[in-house]
């Protein structure tokens, strides 16, 4: 009888232990002689996402700016927002969004700049195409202009930023670079040959002259990329 009671007590303790582990969200896995792995889940996915300052939608799984202009995986530790050149703006094909300028670095730790759109929940919803000046070393932004350049009813973006060559004679001398993004449906497109032409004389870039020139040209003569 005592043995039977002892067995019942052991069974009750075992059942209670299993129930407690189930409530704490702990699961234990083991395989052969491999080290035991314990997974503890104390937060919901929503709680985890709320801890990130900037999150992403439409993720493609590829973070390279040149490969995709949809949302990439960013957390608050991954991006450095240039606040002076980030704005709340109304874009015809997007509604009210936050345009953000981001200080970035490539695999060689060389400073670059990139631009993106965020919704009001700070989710990055779109990465603009690679900025023309990123073939050099980024220094600072001079100006960002939102204006309907090609008169199609949608605001375009003209950005002037300063770069340095980083090598050779005058390696540390700053020079301005202009890049133009045209809003087309739910994307922004660039005309590489046009950007090349606008930057022929780097020392004489003026935003008023650039905009006046852009309003006069025929964009159908240029091929665009997205």
N, C-alpha and C. Protein backbone atom coordinates (compact mmCIF):
# COMPACT_ATOMS: atom_id res chain seq x y z
N UNK A 1 0.82 -1.21 0.00
CA UNK A 1 0.00 0.00 0.00
C UNK A 1 0.86 1.26 0.00
N UNK A 2 1.93 1.27 0.84
CA UNK A 2 2.80 2.43 0.89
C UNK A 2 3.48 2.68 -0.46
N UNK A 3 3.89 1.57 -1.13
CA UNK A 3 4.52 1.72 -2.45
C UNK A 3 3.55 2.33 -3.45
N UNK A 4 2.26 1.89 -3.35
CA UNK A 4 1.25 2.41 -4.27
C UNK A 4 1.01 3.90 -4.05
N UNK A 5 0.94 4.32 -2.79
CA UNK A 5 0.76 5.74 -2.48
C UNK A 5 1.95 6.57 -2.98
N UNK A 6 3.15 6.01 -2.78
CA UNK A 6 4.36 6.71 -3.23
C UNK A 6 4.35 6.91 -4.73
N UNK A 7 3.92 5.90 -5.47
CA UNK A 7 3.86 5.98 -6.93
C UNK A 7 2.87 7.05 -7.37
N UNK A 8 1.69 7.11 -6.69
CA UNK A 8 0.66 8.11 -7.02
C UNK A 8 1.19 9.52 -6.80
N UNK A 9 1.93 9.74 -5.68
CA UNK A 9 2.49 11.05 -5.38
C UNK A 9 3.47 11.47 -6.47
N UNK A 10 4.34 10.54 -6.91
CA UNK A 10 5.32 10.84 -7.97
C UNK A 10 4.62 11.24 -9.26
N UNK A 11 3.53 10.52 -9.60
CA UNK A 11 2.79 10.84 -10.82
C UNK A 11 2.16 12.23 -10.76
N UNK A 12 1.60 12.57 -9.60
CA UNK A 12 0.98 13.89 -9.43
C UNK A 12 2.01 15.00 -9.58
N UNK A 13 3.19 14.82 -8.95
CA UNK A 13 4.25 15.83 -9.04
C UNK A 13 4.72 16.00 -10.48
N UNK A 14 4.83 14.91 -11.21
CA UNK A 14 5.26 14.96 -12.62
C UNK A 14 4.27 15.74 -13.48
N UNK A 15 2.95 15.46 -13.25
CA UNK A 15 1.91 16.15 -14.02
C UNK A 15 1.90 17.65 -13.73
N UNK A 16 2.05 18.01 -12.44
CA UNK A 16 2.08 19.42 -12.07
C UNK A 16 3.27 20.14 -12.69
N UNK A 17 4.42 19.49 -12.72
CA UNK A 17 5.63 20.09 -13.30
C UNK A 17 5.44 20.36 -14.77
N UNK A 18 4.79 19.45 -15.51
CA UNK A 18 4.57 19.62 -16.95
C UNK A 18 3.64 20.80 -17.21
N UNK A 19 2.61 20.93 -16.37
CA UNK A 19 1.67 22.04 -16.55
C UNK A 19 2.34 23.38 -16.33
N UNK A 20 3.20 23.47 -15.31
CA UNK A 20 3.89 24.73 -15.01
C UNK A 20 4.80 25.12 -16.15
N UNK A 21 5.56 24.17 -16.74
CA UNK A 21 6.43 24.47 -17.88
C UNK A 21 5.63 24.96 -19.07
N UNK A 22 4.43 24.39 -19.26
CA UNK A 22 3.60 24.83 -20.37
C UNK A 22 3.15 26.26 -20.23
N UNK A 23 2.88 26.68 -18.99
CA UNK A 23 2.42 28.04 -18.76
C UNK A 23 3.53 29.06 -18.92
N UNK A 24 4.75 28.73 -18.65
CA UNK A 24 5.86 29.68 -18.75
C UNK A 24 6.38 29.82 -20.16
N UNK A 25 5.90 29.01 -21.10
CA UNK A 25 6.33 29.12 -22.49
C UNK A 25 7.69 28.49 -22.71
N UNK A 26 8.14 27.55 -21.88
CA UNK A 26 9.43 26.93 -22.03
C UNK A 26 9.28 25.59 -22.74
N UNK A 27 10.18 25.33 -23.67
CA UNK A 27 10.22 24.05 -24.34
C UNK A 27 11.65 23.56 -24.34
N UNK A 28 11.84 22.28 -24.14
CA UNK A 28 13.18 21.72 -24.07
C UNK A 28 13.34 20.67 -25.16
N UNK A 29 14.46 20.74 -25.87
CA UNK A 29 14.74 19.81 -26.95
C UNK A 29 16.09 19.16 -26.70
N UNK A 30 16.20 17.90 -27.00
CA UNK A 30 17.49 17.23 -26.92
C UNK A 30 17.57 16.20 -28.03
N UNK A 31 18.79 15.94 -28.48
CA UNK A 31 18.98 14.99 -29.56
C UNK A 31 20.29 14.25 -29.33
N UNK A 32 20.20 12.96 -29.00
CA UNK A 32 21.40 12.16 -28.78
C UNK A 32 22.25 12.75 -27.68
N UNK A 33 23.56 12.94 -28.00
CA UNK A 33 24.49 13.50 -27.04
C UNK A 33 24.64 15.00 -27.16
N UNK A 34 23.81 15.64 -28.02
CA UNK A 34 23.92 17.06 -28.23
C UNK A 34 23.46 17.82 -26.99
N UNK A 35 24.00 19.04 -26.82
CA UNK A 35 23.67 19.86 -25.68
C UNK A 35 22.19 20.22 -25.70
N UNK A 36 21.56 20.17 -24.53
CA UNK A 36 20.14 20.47 -24.41
C UNK A 36 19.88 21.94 -24.72
N UNK A 37 18.84 22.23 -25.49
CA UNK A 37 18.49 23.59 -25.87
C UNK A 37 17.16 23.97 -25.24
N UNK A 38 17.12 25.11 -24.57
CA UNK A 38 15.88 25.58 -23.95
C UNK A 38 15.46 26.89 -24.60
N UNK A 39 14.20 26.95 -25.06
CA UNK A 39 13.64 28.15 -25.66
C UNK A 39 12.61 28.73 -24.72
N UNK A 40 12.76 29.98 -24.36
CA UNK A 40 11.83 30.65 -23.47
C UNK A 40 11.19 31.81 -24.21
N UNK A 41 9.88 31.83 -24.31
CA UNK A 41 9.17 32.89 -25.01
C UNK A 41 8.34 33.67 -24.00
N UNK A 42 8.79 34.91 -23.70
CA UNK A 42 8.08 35.74 -22.74
C UNK A 42 7.38 36.92 -23.39
N UNK A 43 7.61 37.17 -24.71
CA UNK A 43 7.05 38.33 -25.38
C UNK A 43 6.33 37.90 -26.64
N UNK A 44 5.26 38.61 -26.95
CA UNK A 44 4.57 38.38 -28.21
C UNK A 44 5.34 39.07 -29.32
N UNK A 45 5.04 38.68 -30.59
CA UNK A 45 5.70 39.34 -31.73
C UNK A 45 5.41 40.84 -31.75
N UNK A 46 4.19 41.21 -31.33
CA UNK A 46 3.83 42.63 -31.32
C UNK A 46 4.69 43.40 -30.34
N UNK A 47 4.92 42.82 -29.15
CA UNK A 47 5.76 43.49 -28.16
C UNK A 47 7.18 43.66 -28.67
N UNK A 48 7.70 42.66 -29.33
CA UNK A 48 9.06 42.74 -29.86
C UNK A 48 9.16 43.83 -30.91
N UNK A 49 8.18 43.91 -31.83
CA UNK A 49 8.21 44.92 -32.87
C UNK A 49 8.12 46.33 -32.30
N UNK A 50 7.37 46.49 -31.22
CA UNK A 50 7.20 47.81 -30.64
C UNK A 50 8.48 48.33 -30.02
N UNK A 51 9.43 47.44 -29.71
CA UNK A 51 10.68 47.88 -29.14
C UNK A 51 11.63 48.45 -30.18
N UNK A 52 11.35 48.21 -31.47
CA UNK A 52 12.19 48.75 -32.53
C UNK A 52 11.73 50.15 -32.88
N UNK A 53 12.67 51.05 -33.02
CA UNK A 53 12.33 52.43 -33.37
C UNK A 53 11.88 52.52 -34.81
N UNK A 54 12.57 51.83 -35.70
CA UNK A 54 12.22 51.80 -37.12
C UNK A 54 12.12 50.34 -37.51
N UNK A 55 10.97 49.93 -38.05
CA UNK A 55 10.81 48.57 -38.54
C UNK A 55 10.55 48.63 -40.03
N UNK A 56 10.19 47.50 -40.62
CA UNK A 56 10.05 47.50 -42.07
C UNK A 56 8.85 46.69 -42.52
N UNK A 57 8.26 47.11 -43.62
CA UNK A 57 7.25 46.31 -44.30
C UNK A 57 7.75 46.04 -45.70
N UNK A 58 7.13 45.08 -46.38
CA UNK A 58 7.54 44.71 -47.74
C UNK A 58 8.99 44.28 -47.79
N UNK A 59 9.46 43.57 -46.79
CA UNK A 59 10.86 43.16 -46.78
C UNK A 59 11.12 42.12 -47.86
N UNK A 60 12.24 42.25 -48.55
CA UNK A 60 12.61 41.32 -49.59
C UNK A 60 13.69 40.36 -49.14
N UNK A 61 14.25 40.59 -47.96
CA UNK A 61 15.33 39.76 -47.48
C UNK A 61 16.67 40.15 -48.04
N UNK A 62 16.74 41.27 -48.77
CA UNK A 62 17.99 41.74 -49.35
C UNK A 62 18.20 43.18 -48.95
N UNK A 63 19.30 43.48 -48.24
CA UNK A 63 19.52 44.81 -47.71
C UNK A 63 20.28 45.73 -48.66
N UNK A 64 20.73 45.24 -49.79
CA UNK A 64 21.55 46.07 -50.67
C UNK A 64 20.69 47.11 -51.36
N UNK A 65 21.10 48.37 -51.23
CA UNK A 65 20.32 49.48 -51.78
C UNK A 65 20.17 49.35 -53.28
N UNK A 66 21.19 48.88 -53.97
CA UNK A 66 21.15 48.82 -55.42
C UNK A 66 20.27 47.68 -55.92
N UNK A 67 19.94 46.72 -55.04
CA UNK A 67 19.18 45.56 -55.48
C UNK A 67 17.68 45.73 -55.31
N UNK A 68 17.25 46.54 -54.36
CA UNK A 68 15.82 46.67 -54.11
C UNK A 68 15.51 48.05 -53.57
N UNK A 69 14.32 48.57 -53.92
CA UNK A 69 13.92 49.83 -53.33
C UNK A 69 12.71 49.65 -52.44
N UNK A 70 12.40 48.40 -52.11
CA UNK A 70 11.35 48.15 -51.13
C UNK A 70 11.97 48.11 -49.75
N UNK A 71 11.13 48.02 -48.75
CA UNK A 71 11.60 48.11 -47.38
C UNK A 71 12.65 47.07 -47.04
N UNK A 72 13.74 47.48 -46.42
CA UNK A 72 14.78 46.59 -45.95
C UNK A 72 14.66 46.43 -44.46
N UNK A 73 15.39 45.46 -43.91
CA UNK A 73 15.31 45.20 -42.48
C UNK A 73 16.19 46.17 -41.72
N UNK A 74 15.57 47.14 -41.06
CA UNK A 74 16.29 48.11 -40.27
C UNK A 74 15.79 48.06 -38.84
N UNK A 75 16.67 48.19 -37.89
CA UNK A 75 16.28 48.41 -36.50
C UNK A 75 16.87 49.73 -36.06
N UNK A 76 16.53 50.17 -34.86
CA UNK A 76 17.01 51.46 -34.39
C UNK A 76 18.52 51.51 -34.28
N UNK A 77 19.17 50.34 -34.17
CA UNK A 77 20.62 50.31 -34.06
C UNK A 77 21.30 50.29 -35.42
N UNK A 78 20.52 50.06 -36.47
CA UNK A 78 21.11 49.87 -37.80
C UNK A 78 21.16 51.14 -38.63
N UNK A 79 20.34 52.14 -38.30
CA UNK A 79 20.31 53.31 -39.14
C UNK A 79 20.55 54.57 -38.33
N UNK A 80 21.13 55.55 -38.99
CA UNK A 80 21.45 56.83 -38.37
C UNK A 80 20.73 57.91 -39.17
N UNK A 81 19.59 58.38 -38.66
CA UNK A 81 18.77 59.35 -39.37
C UNK A 81 19.37 60.74 -39.27
N UNK A 82 19.41 61.44 -40.40
CA UNK A 82 19.87 62.83 -40.43
C UNK A 82 18.62 63.69 -40.22
N UNK A 83 18.38 64.08 -38.98
CA UNK A 83 17.11 64.72 -38.62
C UNK A 83 16.87 66.04 -39.33
N UNK A 84 17.91 66.82 -39.56
CA UNK A 84 17.74 68.14 -40.18
C UNK A 84 17.21 68.04 -41.61
N UNK A 85 17.34 66.89 -42.21
CA UNK A 85 16.88 66.71 -43.60
C UNK A 85 15.91 65.53 -43.71
N UNK A 86 15.08 65.39 -42.68
CA UNK A 86 13.99 64.42 -42.67
C UNK A 86 12.70 65.18 -42.39
N UNK A 87 11.67 64.91 -43.19
CA UNK A 87 10.48 65.76 -43.16
C UNK A 87 9.19 64.94 -43.24
N UNK A 88 8.12 65.50 -42.66
CA UNK A 88 6.78 65.00 -42.91
C UNK A 88 6.28 65.67 -44.18
N UNK A 89 5.87 64.86 -45.16
CA UNK A 89 5.52 65.42 -46.47
C UNK A 89 4.32 64.67 -47.04
N UNK A 90 3.52 65.38 -47.81
CA UNK A 90 2.37 64.79 -48.50
C UNK A 90 2.78 64.50 -49.94
N UNK A 91 2.80 63.22 -50.29
CA UNK A 91 3.13 62.81 -51.66
C UNK A 91 1.90 62.22 -52.31
N UNK A 92 1.62 62.66 -53.52
CA UNK A 92 0.36 62.35 -54.18
C UNK A 92 0.07 60.86 -54.26
N UNK A 93 1.07 60.04 -54.54
CA UNK A 93 0.86 58.61 -54.70
C UNK A 93 1.12 57.81 -53.42
N UNK A 94 1.42 58.51 -52.32
CA UNK A 94 1.74 57.85 -51.06
C UNK A 94 0.92 58.36 -49.90
N UNK A 95 0.38 59.56 -50.01
CA UNK A 95 -0.29 60.17 -48.87
C UNK A 95 0.74 60.83 -47.96
N UNK A 96 0.38 60.99 -46.68
CA UNK A 96 1.30 61.61 -45.73
C UNK A 96 2.35 60.59 -45.27
N UNK A 97 3.60 60.88 -45.53
CA UNK A 97 4.70 59.99 -45.16
C UNK A 97 5.84 60.82 -44.58
N UNK A 98 6.77 60.14 -43.97
CA UNK A 98 7.98 60.79 -43.50
C UNK A 98 9.12 60.46 -44.46
N UNK A 99 9.69 61.51 -45.03
CA UNK A 99 10.88 61.36 -45.86
C UNK A 99 12.07 61.41 -44.91
N UNK A 100 12.90 60.38 -44.92
CA UNK A 100 14.05 60.36 -44.02
C UNK A 100 15.36 60.24 -44.80
N UNK A 101 16.34 61.01 -44.34
CA UNK A 101 17.70 60.93 -44.87
C UNK A 101 18.51 60.08 -43.90
N UNK A 102 19.29 59.15 -44.44
CA UNK A 102 19.98 58.17 -43.61
C UNK A 102 21.48 58.20 -43.90
N UNK A 103 22.26 58.36 -42.87
CA UNK A 103 23.71 58.23 -42.99
C UNK A 103 24.04 56.74 -42.98
N UNK A 104 24.71 56.29 -44.03
CA UNK A 104 24.97 54.87 -44.20
C UNK A 104 26.46 54.65 -44.41
N UNK A 105 26.89 53.40 -44.34
CA UNK A 105 28.28 53.04 -44.64
C UNK A 105 28.28 51.74 -45.43
N UNK A 106 29.24 51.64 -46.37
CA UNK A 106 29.33 50.40 -47.14
C UNK A 106 30.20 49.39 -46.43
N UNK A 107 30.50 48.29 -47.11
CA UNK A 107 31.27 47.21 -46.48
C UNK A 107 32.69 47.61 -46.14
N UNK A 108 33.16 48.73 -46.70
CA UNK A 108 34.50 49.22 -46.41
C UNK A 108 34.48 50.37 -45.39
N UNK A 109 33.31 50.56 -44.76
CA UNK A 109 33.12 51.59 -43.74
C UNK A 109 33.23 53.00 -44.31
N UNK A 110 32.92 53.15 -45.60
CA UNK A 110 32.94 54.46 -46.25
C UNK A 110 31.55 55.08 -46.18
N UNK A 111 31.49 56.34 -45.78
CA UNK A 111 30.22 57.02 -45.58
C UNK A 111 29.43 57.19 -46.89
N UNK A 112 28.16 56.83 -46.83
CA UNK A 112 27.24 57.01 -47.95
C UNK A 112 25.97 57.65 -47.40
N UNK A 113 25.05 58.02 -48.29
CA UNK A 113 23.77 58.56 -47.86
C UNK A 113 22.66 57.84 -48.63
N UNK A 114 21.56 57.64 -47.97
CA UNK A 114 20.42 57.02 -48.63
C UNK A 114 19.14 57.67 -48.13
N UNK A 115 18.06 57.44 -48.85
CA UNK A 115 16.80 58.11 -48.54
C UNK A 115 15.66 57.09 -48.58
N UNK A 116 14.68 57.30 -47.72
CA UNK A 116 13.57 56.35 -47.62
C UNK A 116 12.29 57.07 -47.20
N UNK A 117 11.17 56.37 -47.36
CA UNK A 117 9.88 56.86 -46.90
C UNK A 117 9.40 55.97 -45.76
N UNK A 118 8.85 56.61 -44.71
CA UNK A 118 8.30 55.87 -43.57
C UNK A 118 6.83 56.24 -43.40
N UNK A 119 6.05 55.29 -42.88
CA UNK A 119 4.68 55.64 -42.52
C UNK A 119 4.66 56.26 -41.13
N UNK A 120 3.49 56.61 -40.64
CA UNK A 120 3.39 57.30 -39.36
C UNK A 120 3.72 56.40 -38.17
N UNK A 121 3.81 55.09 -38.41
CA UNK A 121 4.21 54.16 -37.36
C UNK A 121 5.71 53.88 -37.40
N UNK A 122 6.43 54.67 -38.18
CA UNK A 122 7.89 54.56 -38.32
C UNK A 122 8.31 53.25 -38.98
N UNK A 123 7.47 52.70 -39.84
CA UNK A 123 7.85 51.56 -40.65
C UNK A 123 8.40 52.05 -41.98
N UNK A 124 9.57 51.61 -42.37
CA UNK A 124 10.11 51.98 -43.67
C UNK A 124 9.31 51.24 -44.74
N UNK A 125 8.70 52.02 -45.63
CA UNK A 125 7.85 51.42 -46.65
C UNK A 125 8.46 51.49 -48.04
N UNK A 126 9.50 52.30 -48.20
CA UNK A 126 10.11 52.42 -49.53
C UNK A 126 11.50 53.02 -49.41
N UNK A 127 12.47 52.41 -50.08
CA UNK A 127 13.82 52.96 -50.20
C UNK A 127 13.98 53.58 -51.57
N UNK A 128 14.35 54.85 -51.62
CA UNK A 128 14.59 55.49 -52.91
C UNK A 128 15.81 54.87 -53.58
N UNK A 129 15.88 54.92 -54.91
CA UNK A 129 17.05 54.36 -55.61
C UNK A 129 18.36 55.00 -55.13
N UNK A 130 19.43 54.32 -55.40
CA UNK A 130 20.76 54.77 -54.97
C UNK A 130 21.03 56.20 -55.42
N UNK A 131 21.56 57.00 -54.49
CA UNK A 131 21.86 58.40 -54.81
C UNK A 131 23.09 58.47 -55.72
N UNK A 132 23.01 59.37 -56.69
CA UNK A 132 24.08 59.47 -57.69
C UNK A 132 25.46 59.69 -57.07
N UNK A 133 25.56 60.49 -56.02
CA UNK A 133 26.85 60.84 -55.43
C UNK A 133 27.53 59.74 -54.65
N UNK A 134 26.86 58.61 -54.46
CA UNK A 134 27.43 57.57 -53.61
C UNK A 134 28.64 56.84 -54.22
N UNK A 135 29.07 57.26 -55.38
CA UNK A 135 30.33 56.72 -55.91
C UNK A 135 31.52 57.36 -55.19
N UNK A 136 31.23 58.45 -54.43
CA UNK A 136 32.27 59.12 -53.65
C UNK A 136 31.98 58.97 -52.16
N UNK A 137 32.67 59.77 -51.33
CA UNK A 137 32.50 59.69 -49.88
C UNK A 137 31.57 60.81 -49.42
N UNK A 138 30.47 60.44 -48.79
CA UNK A 138 29.47 61.42 -48.37
C UNK A 138 30.00 62.31 -47.24
N UNK A 139 29.67 63.62 -47.34
CA UNK A 139 30.05 64.57 -46.30
C UNK A 139 28.81 65.13 -45.59
N UNK A 140 27.94 65.83 -46.34
CA UNK A 140 26.75 66.41 -45.72
C UNK A 140 25.72 66.76 -46.78
N UNK A 141 24.48 66.94 -46.34
CA UNK A 141 23.40 67.35 -47.25
C UNK A 141 23.31 68.87 -47.27
N UNK A 142 23.11 69.40 -48.47
CA UNK A 142 22.94 70.85 -48.61
C UNK A 142 21.47 71.23 -48.64
N UNK A 143 20.67 70.52 -49.43
CA UNK A 143 19.25 70.88 -49.54
C UNK A 143 18.44 69.72 -50.10
N UNK A 144 17.14 69.73 -49.74
CA UNK A 144 16.17 68.77 -50.28
C UNK A 144 14.95 69.58 -50.72
N UNK A 145 14.57 69.43 -51.99
CA UNK A 145 13.46 70.21 -52.54
C UNK A 145 12.39 69.25 -53.05
N UNK A 146 11.13 69.48 -52.63
CA UNK A 146 9.99 68.72 -53.14
C UNK A 146 9.21 69.63 -54.09
N UNK A 147 9.17 69.27 -55.36
CA UNK A 147 8.52 70.13 -56.35
C UNK A 147 8.15 69.29 -57.58
N UNK A 148 7.02 69.62 -58.18
CA UNK A 148 6.59 68.93 -59.39
C UNK A 148 7.40 69.46 -60.57
N UNK A 149 8.50 68.77 -60.86
CA UNK A 149 9.43 69.24 -61.90
C UNK A 149 8.86 69.03 -63.30
N UNK A 150 8.31 67.85 -63.56
CA UNK A 150 7.89 67.52 -64.92
C UNK A 150 6.40 67.78 -65.17
N UNK A 151 5.76 68.48 -64.24
CA UNK A 151 4.38 68.94 -64.40
C UNK A 151 3.39 67.80 -64.68
N UNK A 152 3.56 66.71 -63.95
CA UNK A 152 2.63 65.58 -64.10
C UNK A 152 1.67 65.50 -62.91
N UNK A 153 1.71 66.49 -62.03
CA UNK A 153 0.81 66.52 -60.88
C UNK A 153 1.35 65.84 -59.64
N UNK A 154 2.59 65.32 -59.67
CA UNK A 154 3.18 64.64 -58.52
C UNK A 154 4.51 65.28 -58.15
N UNK A 155 4.74 65.45 -56.87
CA UNK A 155 5.98 66.07 -56.42
C UNK A 155 7.18 65.17 -56.72
N UNK A 156 8.24 65.78 -57.21
CA UNK A 156 9.51 65.11 -57.41
C UNK A 156 10.48 65.60 -56.33
N UNK A 157 11.65 65.01 -56.26
CA UNK A 157 12.61 65.36 -55.20
C UNK A 157 13.96 65.70 -55.82
N UNK A 158 14.47 66.87 -55.48
CA UNK A 158 15.80 67.29 -55.91
C UNK A 158 16.67 67.38 -54.65
N UNK A 159 17.78 66.67 -54.65
CA UNK A 159 18.67 66.65 -53.48
C UNK A 159 20.07 67.08 -53.90
N UNK A 160 20.63 68.01 -53.13
CA UNK A 160 22.03 68.41 -53.32
C UNK A 160 22.79 68.04 -52.05
N UNK A 161 23.87 67.32 -52.21
CA UNK A 161 24.69 66.91 -51.06
C UNK A 161 26.16 67.11 -51.40
N UNK A 162 26.97 67.21 -50.37
CA UNK A 162 28.41 67.39 -50.56
C UNK A 162 29.15 66.08 -50.33
N UNK A 163 30.16 65.86 -51.18
CA UNK A 163 30.98 64.65 -51.12
C UNK A 163 32.46 65.03 -51.20
N UNK A 164 33.31 64.08 -50.86
CA UNK A 164 34.75 64.23 -51.10
C UNK A 164 35.21 62.99 -51.87
N UNK A 165 36.33 63.15 -52.59
CA UNK A 165 36.83 62.02 -53.38
C UNK A 165 37.54 60.98 -52.51
N UNK A 166 38.19 61.44 -51.47
CA UNK A 166 38.82 60.51 -50.53
C UNK A 166 40.17 59.99 -50.95
N UNK A 167 40.65 60.40 -52.14
CA UNK A 167 41.97 59.95 -52.61
C UNK A 167 42.47 60.93 -53.67
N UNK A 168 43.73 60.86 -53.94
CA UNK A 168 44.32 61.72 -54.97
C UNK A 168 44.46 63.15 -54.51
N UNK A 169 44.72 64.05 -55.47
CA UNK A 169 44.83 65.48 -55.17
C UNK A 169 43.49 66.02 -54.68
N UNK A 170 43.56 66.89 -53.70
CA UNK A 170 42.35 67.48 -53.11
C UNK A 170 41.37 66.41 -52.61
N UNK A 171 41.91 65.37 -52.02
CA UNK A 171 41.10 64.24 -51.57
C UNK A 171 40.03 64.65 -50.57
N UNK A 172 40.32 65.67 -49.75
CA UNK A 172 39.39 66.09 -48.71
C UNK A 172 38.57 67.31 -49.09
N UNK A 173 38.70 67.78 -50.32
CA UNK A 173 37.94 68.96 -50.76
C UNK A 173 36.50 68.58 -51.09
N UNK A 174 35.55 69.30 -50.51
CA UNK A 174 34.14 69.01 -50.75
C UNK A 174 33.68 69.55 -52.10
N UNK A 175 32.75 68.84 -52.72
CA UNK A 175 32.11 69.34 -53.94
C UNK A 175 30.65 68.90 -53.92
N UNK A 176 29.75 69.70 -54.50
CA UNK A 176 28.32 69.38 -54.47
C UNK A 176 27.93 68.38 -55.57
N UNK A 177 26.95 67.57 -55.25
CA UNK A 177 26.40 66.61 -56.20
C UNK A 177 24.88 66.70 -56.14
N UNK A 178 24.23 66.73 -57.30
CA UNK A 178 22.77 66.78 -57.34
C UNK A 178 22.22 65.44 -57.82
N UNK A 179 21.13 65.02 -57.23
CA UNK A 179 20.42 63.82 -57.65
C UNK A 179 18.94 64.12 -57.71
N UNK A 180 18.25 63.65 -58.76
CA UNK A 180 16.83 63.96 -58.94
C UNK A 180 16.02 62.67 -58.98
N UNK A 181 14.93 62.66 -58.20
CA UNK A 181 14.01 61.52 -58.17
C UNK A 181 12.64 61.99 -58.66
N UNK A 182 12.10 61.29 -59.66
CA UNK A 182 10.79 61.64 -60.20
C UNK A 182 9.76 60.64 -59.69
N UNK A 183 8.67 61.19 -59.14
CA UNK A 183 7.60 60.34 -58.62
C UNK A 183 6.78 59.79 -59.78
N UNK A 184 6.64 58.47 -59.81
CA UNK A 184 5.87 57.82 -60.87
C UNK A 184 5.07 56.68 -60.25
N UNK A 185 3.76 56.87 -60.19
CA UNK A 185 2.87 55.92 -59.52
C UNK A 185 3.34 55.73 -58.08
N UNK A 186 3.62 54.50 -57.67
CA UNK A 186 4.05 54.28 -56.28
C UNK A 186 5.55 54.01 -56.20
N UNK A 187 6.30 54.66 -57.09
CA UNK A 187 7.76 54.52 -57.08
C UNK A 187 8.40 55.86 -57.38
N UNK A 188 9.70 55.92 -57.18
CA UNK A 188 10.49 57.05 -57.63
C UNK A 188 11.51 56.53 -58.63
N UNK A 189 11.64 57.21 -59.76
CA UNK A 189 12.56 56.76 -60.80
C UNK A 189 13.69 57.78 -60.96
N UNK A 190 14.79 57.32 -61.50
CA UNK A 190 15.92 58.21 -61.78
C UNK A 190 16.33 58.05 -63.24
N UNK A 191 16.91 59.11 -63.76
CA UNK A 191 17.45 59.11 -65.12
C UNK A 191 18.97 59.23 -65.00
N UNK A 192 19.71 58.13 -65.07
CA UNK A 192 21.16 58.15 -64.85
C UNK A 192 21.90 59.13 -65.75
N UNK A 193 21.55 59.16 -67.03
CA UNK A 193 22.25 60.07 -67.95
C UNK A 193 21.96 61.53 -67.60
N UNK A 194 20.74 61.80 -67.14
CA UNK A 194 20.39 63.16 -66.74
C UNK A 194 21.20 63.57 -65.51
N UNK A 195 21.29 62.69 -64.53
CA UNK A 195 22.10 63.01 -63.34
C UNK A 195 23.56 63.25 -63.71
N UNK A 196 24.02 62.47 -64.68
CA UNK A 196 25.40 62.65 -65.15
C UNK A 196 25.59 64.04 -65.75
N UNK A 197 24.65 64.45 -66.57
CA UNK A 197 24.74 65.77 -67.20
C UNK A 197 24.69 66.91 -66.17
N UNK A 198 23.82 66.75 -65.18
CA UNK A 198 23.66 67.80 -64.18
C UNK A 198 24.91 67.99 -63.33
N UNK A 199 25.76 66.97 -63.28
CA UNK A 199 26.94 67.02 -62.42
C UNK A 199 28.25 67.19 -63.19
N UNK A 200 28.16 67.63 -64.45
CA UNK A 200 29.37 67.83 -65.23
C UNK A 200 30.27 68.87 -64.59
N UNK A 201 29.67 69.98 -64.15
CA UNK A 201 30.43 71.04 -63.51
C UNK A 201 30.06 71.06 -62.02
N UNK A 202 30.75 70.24 -61.22
CA UNK A 202 30.38 70.06 -59.82
C UNK A 202 30.47 71.34 -58.98
N UNK A 203 31.30 72.27 -59.39
CA UNK A 203 31.52 73.45 -58.56
C UNK A 203 30.46 74.52 -58.76
N UNK A 204 29.61 74.37 -59.74
CA UNK A 204 28.63 75.43 -60.05
C UNK A 204 27.20 74.91 -59.98
N UNK A 205 26.92 74.07 -59.00
CA UNK A 205 25.57 73.54 -58.84
C UNK A 205 24.75 74.49 -57.97
N UNK A 206 23.63 74.93 -58.49
CA UNK A 206 22.73 75.83 -57.78
C UNK A 206 21.31 75.29 -57.94
N UNK A 207 20.59 75.12 -56.83
CA UNK A 207 19.29 74.44 -56.92
C UNK A 207 18.28 75.19 -57.79
N UNK A 208 18.30 76.51 -57.76
CA UNK A 208 17.36 77.27 -58.60
C UNK A 208 17.66 77.07 -60.08
N UNK A 209 18.95 77.08 -60.43
CA UNK A 209 19.33 76.87 -61.83
C UNK A 209 19.03 75.43 -62.26
N UNK A 210 19.27 74.49 -61.33
CA UNK A 210 19.00 73.08 -61.65
C UNK A 210 17.53 72.87 -61.94
N UNK A 211 16.66 73.41 -61.08
CA UNK A 211 15.22 73.25 -61.26
C UNK A 211 14.75 73.92 -62.54
N UNK A 212 15.27 75.11 -62.80
CA UNK A 212 14.89 75.82 -64.04
C UNK A 212 15.30 75.01 -65.27
N UNK A 213 16.47 74.40 -65.22
CA UNK A 213 16.94 73.58 -66.34
C UNK A 213 16.07 72.33 -66.48
N UNK A 214 15.72 71.69 -65.36
CA UNK A 214 14.92 70.46 -65.41
C UNK A 214 13.54 70.72 -66.00
N UNK A 215 12.98 71.89 -65.74
CA UNK A 215 11.65 72.21 -66.24
C UNK A 215 11.63 72.43 -67.75
N UNK A 216 12.79 72.61 -68.32
CA UNK A 216 12.87 72.89 -69.76
C UNK A 216 13.20 71.66 -70.60
N UNK A 217 13.73 70.61 -70.00
CA UNK A 217 14.19 69.46 -70.78
C UNK A 217 13.07 68.50 -71.09
N UNK A 218 13.28 67.68 -72.10
CA UNK A 218 12.32 66.65 -72.51
C UNK A 218 12.80 65.31 -71.94
N UNK A 219 12.12 64.84 -70.91
CA UNK A 219 12.54 63.60 -70.24
C UNK A 219 12.38 62.37 -71.13
N UNK A 220 11.58 62.46 -72.17
CA UNK A 220 11.39 61.30 -73.04
C UNK A 220 12.67 60.93 -73.79
N UNK A 221 13.63 61.83 -73.78
CA UNK A 221 14.91 61.57 -74.44
C UNK A 221 15.85 60.73 -73.58
N UNK A 222 15.44 60.47 -72.33
CA UNK A 222 16.31 59.76 -71.39
C UNK A 222 15.68 58.43 -70.98
N UNK A 223 16.53 57.46 -70.71
CA UNK A 223 16.07 56.19 -70.15
C UNK A 223 16.10 56.30 -68.64
N UNK A 224 15.09 55.69 -67.98
CA UNK A 224 15.03 55.77 -66.53
C UNK A 224 15.23 54.40 -65.89
N UNK A 225 15.59 54.42 -64.61
CA UNK A 225 15.69 53.20 -63.81
C UNK A 225 14.91 53.41 -62.53
N UNK A 226 14.60 52.30 -61.83
CA UNK A 226 13.86 52.40 -60.57
C UNK A 226 14.64 51.71 -59.46
